[in-house]
Amino acid sequence: MSFIGAGLFDQLLDVKSLLASDIQRYKAEREREQRDRDGLARPPPPASRKDSERHRSPPSFAAS
């Protein structure tokens, strides 16, 4: 009888760990969807070529 009880206990622990991982995955998915709705997960717009050139250091010319 105790062998059957131990097997059921092990199965319950497996189910508990599976449920915990499913709950974590669900929460992460909901947070991601909320960020998408709020616009926080979107990447910043790409910088134009002029912007990237403006922040670049001026070219150095070697004196000959």
C-alpha atoms as a PDB file:
ATOM      1  CA  MET A   1       0.000   0.000   0.000  1.00  0.00           C
ATOM      2  CA  SER A   2       2.789   2.410   0.840  1.00  0.00           C
ATOM      3  CA  PHE A   3       4.449   1.650  -2.523  1.00  0.00           C
ATOM      4  CA  ILE A   4       1.301   2.815  -4.341  1.00  0.00           C
ATOM      5  CA  GLY A   5       1.154   5.916  -2.150  1.00  0.00           C
ATOM      6  CA  ALA A   6       4.764   6.782  -2.942  1.00  0.00           C
ATOM      7  CA  GLY A   7       4.113   6.390  -6.667  1.00  0.00           C
ATOM      8  CA  LEU A   8       1.099   8.681  -6.489  1.00  0.00           C
ATOM      9  CA  PHE A   9       3.118  11.203  -4.492  1.00  0.00           C
ATOM     10  CA  ASP A  10       5.838  11.201  -7.166  1.00  0.00           C
ATOM     11  CA  GLN A  11       3.205  11.722  -9.866  1.00  0.00           C
ATOM     12  CA  LEU A  12       1.750  14.644  -7.937  1.00  0.00           C
ATOM     13  CA  LEU A  13       5.185  16.232  -7.683  1.00  0.00           C
ATOM     14  CA  ASP A  14       5.632  15.839 -11.450  1.00  0.00           C
ATOM     15  CA  VAL A  15       2.254  17.443 -12.095  1.00  0.00           C
ATOM     16  CA  LYS A  16       3.094  20.278  -9.702  1.00  0.00           C
ATOM     17  CA  SER A  17       6.373  21.031 -11.484  1.00  0.00           C
ATOM     18  CA  LEU A  18       4.667  20.912 -14.894  1.00  0.00           C
ATOM     19  CA  LEU A  19       1.959  23.288 -13.713  1.00  0.00           C
ATOM     20  CA  ALA A  20       4.555  25.662 -12.253  1.00  0.00           C
ATOM     21  CA  SER A  21       6.430  25.831 -15.561  1.00  0.00           C
ATOM     22  CA  ASP A  22       3.165  26.331 -17.477  1.00  0.00           C
ATOM     23  CA  ILE A  23       2.174  29.154 -15.131  1.00  0.00           C
ATOM     24  CA  GLN A  24       5.561  30.856 -15.564  1.00  0.00           C
ATOM     25  CA  ARG A  25       5.312  30.550 -19.343  1.00  0.00           C
ATOM     26  CA  TYR A  26       1.765  31.960 -19.266  1.00  0.00           C
ATOM     27  CA  LYS A  27       2.817  34.935 -17.117  1.00  0.00           C
ATOM     28  CA  ALA A  28       5.779  35.704 -19.377  1.00  0.00           C
ATOM     29  CA  GLU A  29       3.525  35.573 -22.436  1.00  0.00           C
ATOM     30  CA  ARG A  30       0.988  37.931 -20.824  1.00  0.00           C
ATOM     31  CA  GLU A  31       3.741  40.387 -19.851  1.00  0.00           C
ATOM     32  CA  ARG A  32       5.110  40.293 -23.409  1.00  0.00           C
ATOM     33  CA  GLU A  33       1.657  40.989 -24.842  1.00  0.00           C
ATOM     34  CA  GLN A  34       1.160  43.868 -22.396  1.00  0.00           C
ATOM     35  CA  ARG A  35       4.512  45.403 -23.403  1.00  0.00           C
ATOM     36  CA  ASP A  36       3.535  45.027 -27.058  1.00  0.00           C
ATOM     37  CA  ARG A  37       0.273  46.860 -26.378  1.00  0.00           C
ATOM     38  CA  ASP A  38       2.124  49.595 -24.489  1.00  0.00           C
ATOM     39  CA  GLY A  39       4.731  49.867 -27.226  1.00  0.00           C
ATOM     40  CA  LEU A  40       7.652  49.122 -24.907  1.00  0.00           C
ATOM     41  CA  ALA A  41       8.852  45.994 -26.679  1.00  0.00           C
ATOM     42  CA  ARG A  42       9.254  47.663 -30.042  1.00  0.00           C
ATOM     43  CA  PRO A  43      12.832  48.367 -31.070  1.00  0.00           C
ATOM     44  CA  PRO A  44      13.827  52.017 -31.549  1.00  0.00           C
ATOM     45  CA  PRO A  45      13.578  53.295 -35.104  1.00  0.00           C
ATOM     46  CA  PRO A  46      16.762  52.852 -37.108  1.00  0.00           C
ATOM     47  CA  ALA A  47      18.998  55.918 -37.217  1.00  0.00           C
ATOM     48  CA  SER A  48      19.270  57.587 -40.557  1.00  0.00           C
ATOM     49  CA  ARG A  49      22.622  57.749 -42.324  1.00  0.00           C
ATOM     50  CA  LYS A  50      23.012  61.460 -41.507  1.00  0.00           C
ATOM     51  CA  ASP A  51      22.504  60.782 -37.796  1.00  0.00           C
ATOM     52  CA  SER A  52      25.119  58.052 -37.756  1.00  0.00           C
ATOM     53  CA  GLU A  53      27.589  60.243 -39.666  1.00  0.00           C
ATOM     54  CA  ARG A  54      27.003  63.179 -37.340  1.00  0.00           C
ATOM     55  CA  HIS A  55      28.006  61.133 -34.283  1.00  0.00           C
ATOM     56  CA  ARG A  56      31.036  59.626 -35.957  1.00  0.00           C
ATOM     57  CA  SER A  57      34.403  61.217 -35.209  1.00  0.00           C
ATOM     58  CA  PRO A  58      35.853  63.286 -38.034  1.00  0.00           C
ATOM     59  CA  PRO A  59      38.292  61.482 -40.304  1.00  0.00           C
ATOM     60  CA  SER A  60      41.942  61.958 -39.417  1.00  0.00           C
ATOM     61  CA  PHE A  61      44.226  62.930 -42.240  1.00  0.00           C
ATOM     62  CA  ALA A  62      47.838  61.856 -42.051  1.00  0.00           C
ATOM     63  CA  ALA A  63      50.317  64.661 -42.738  1.00  0.00           C
ATOM     64  CA  SER A  64      52.658  63.643 -45.487  1.00  0.00           C
END
